[in-house]
C-alpha atoms as a PDB file:
ATOM      1  CA  MET A   1       0.130  -0.084  -0.019  1.00  0.00           C
ATOM      2  CA  THR A   2       1.328   3.576  -1.530  1.00  0.00           C
ATOM      3  CA  THR A   3       1.011   5.948   1.435  1.00  0.00           C
ATOM      4  CA  VAL A   4       0.377   9.354  -0.437  1.00  0.00           C
ATOM      5  CA  THR A   5       1.735  13.567   1.539  1.00  0.00           C
ATOM      6  CA  ILE A   6       0.110  15.760   1.316  1.00  0.00           C
ATOM      7  CA  PRO A   7       1.989  19.206   1.437  1.00  0.00           C
ATOM      8  CA  GLY A   8       0.905  20.769   4.389  1.00  0.00           C
ATOM      9  CA  SER A   9      -0.723  24.047   1.862  1.00  0.00           C
ATOM     10  CA  LEU A  10      -2.855  21.475   1.136  1.00  0.00           C
ATOM     11  CA  VAL A  11      -3.881  21.289   4.197  1.00  0.00           C
ATOM     12  CA  ASN A  12      -6.947  23.668   6.123  1.00  0.00           C
ATOM     13  CA  LYS A  13      -5.548  23.837   9.232  1.00  0.00           C
ATOM     14  CA  ARG A  14      -8.389  25.534  10.587  1.00  0.00           C
ATOM     15  CA  LYS A  15     -10.678  22.138  10.286  1.00  0.00           C
ATOM     16  CA  LYS A  16     -10.183  20.002  13.691  1.00  0.00           C
ATOM     17  CA  HIS A  17      -9.306  16.324  12.537  1.00  0.00           C
ATOM     18  CA  PHE A  18     -11.927  14.264  14.511  1.00  0.00           C
ATOM     19  CA  LEU A  19     -15.188  15.924  12.700  1.00  0.00           C
ATOM     20  CA  GLY A  20     -17.103  13.683  10.999  1.00  0.00           C
ATOM     21  CA  MET A  21     -16.155  10.946  12.917  1.00  0.00           C
ATOM     22  CA  PRO A  22     -17.682   8.495  15.540  1.00  0.00           C
ATOM     23  CA  ALA A  23     -17.746   8.937  19.182  1.00  0.00           C
ATOM     24  CA  PRO A  24     -15.548   6.903  21.204  1.00  0.00           C
ATOM     25  CA  ALA A  25     -17.696   4.419  23.090  1.00  0.00           C
ATOM     26  CA  GLY A  26     -18.747   5.533  26.288  1.00  0.00           C
ATOM     27  CA  TYR A  27     -18.069   9.272  24.634  1.00  0.00           C
ATOM     28  CA  VAL A  28     -21.166  12.055  27.065  1.00  0.00           C
ATOM     29  CA  ALA A  29     -21.123  14.781  25.743  1.00  0.00           C
ATOM     30  CA  GLY A  30     -19.973  17.424  28.187  1.00  0.00           C
ATOM     31  CA  VAL A  31     -19.943  15.195  31.165  1.00  0.00           C
ATOM     32  CA  GLY A  32     -15.611  16.160  31.248  1.00  0.00           C
ATOM     33  CA  ARG A  33     -16.491  19.814  31.805  1.00  0.00           C
ATOM     34  CA  GLY A  34     -18.205  19.194  34.555  1.00  0.00           C
ATOM     35  CA  ALA A  35     -22.154  19.030  32.497  1.00  0.00           C
ATOM     36  CA  THR A  36     -24.292  16.566  34.414  1.00  0.00           C
ATOM     37  CA  GLY A  37     -27.593  16.441  32.179  1.00  0.00           C
ATOM     38  CA  PHE A  38     -30.225  19.814  30.738  1.00  0.00           C
ATOM     39  CA  THR A  39     -33.040  20.688  32.391  1.00  0.00           C
ATOM     40  CA  THR A  40     -36.428  21.843  30.323  1.00  0.00           C
ATOM     41  CA  ARG A  41     -39.448  23.668  31.372  1.00  0.00           C
ATOM     42  CA  SER A  42     -41.377  20.329  31.503  1.00  0.00           C
ATOM     43  CA  ASP A  43     -38.894  18.934  34.134  1.00  0.00           C
ATOM     44  CA  ILE A  44     -38.634  22.032  36.837  1.00  0.00           C
ATOM     45  CA  GLY A  45     -42.722  22.055  36.422  1.00  0.00           C
ATOM     46  CA  PRO A  46     -45.270  25.331  35.484  1.00  0.00           C
ATOM     47  CA  ALA A  47     -44.271  28.966  36.572  1.00  0.00           C
ATOM     48  CA  ARG A  48     -47.372  29.202  39.281  1.00  0.00           C
ATOM     49  CA  ASP A  49     -49.841  27.304  40.909  1.00  0.00           C
ATOM     50  CA  SER A  50     -53.370  27.082  38.825  1.00  0.00           C
ATOM     51  CA  THR A  51     -54.765  28.987  42.607  1.00  0.00           C
ATOM     52  CA  ASP A  52     -52.501  31.751  41.697  1.00  0.00           C
ATOM     53  CA  LEU A  53     -53.985  33.071  38.441  1.00  0.00           C
ATOM     54  CA  PRO A  54     -55.317  36.365  39.085  1.00  0.00           C
ATOM     55  CA  GLU A  55     -59.432  36.788  39.513  1.00  0.00           C
ATOM     56  CA  LEU A  56     -60.525  38.342  35.457  1.00  0.00           C
ATOM     57  CA  PRO A  57     -64.674  40.098  35.196  1.00  0.00           C
ATOM     58  CA  PRO A  58     -66.778  37.884  33.712  1.00  0.00           C
ATOM     59  CA  ALA A  59     -66.247  38.015  30.513  1.00  0.00           C
ATOM     60  CA  GLY A  60     -69.787  40.045  29.255  1.00  0.00           C
ATOM     61  CA  PRO A  61     -70.191  42.935  25.742  1.00  0.00           C
ATOM     62  CA  THR A  62     -66.906  45.297  25.014  1.00  0.00           C
ATOM     63  CA  LYS A  63     -69.697  47.619  23.315  1.00  0.00           C
ATOM     64  CA  LYS A  64     -71.121  51.110  24.741  1.00  0.00           C
ATOM     65  CA  ALA A  65     -74.568  51.331  24.704  1.00  0.00           C
ATOM     66  CA  ARG A  66     -75.855  54.450  22.978  1.00  0.00           C
END
């Protein structure tokens, strides 16, 4: 098998060599930086209880009488 050497001027120095490769076995994204997971609004729950909703006046006609 013949190895081909690519001149340094043709190599993209800004492109990371690992892009497009599969992750190593057992790899969990972000764990090495202290990340343990993520939380969504659904995980937290509603912002307030349903009993905290403001009282609204009953809906009625909005037209002014003449």
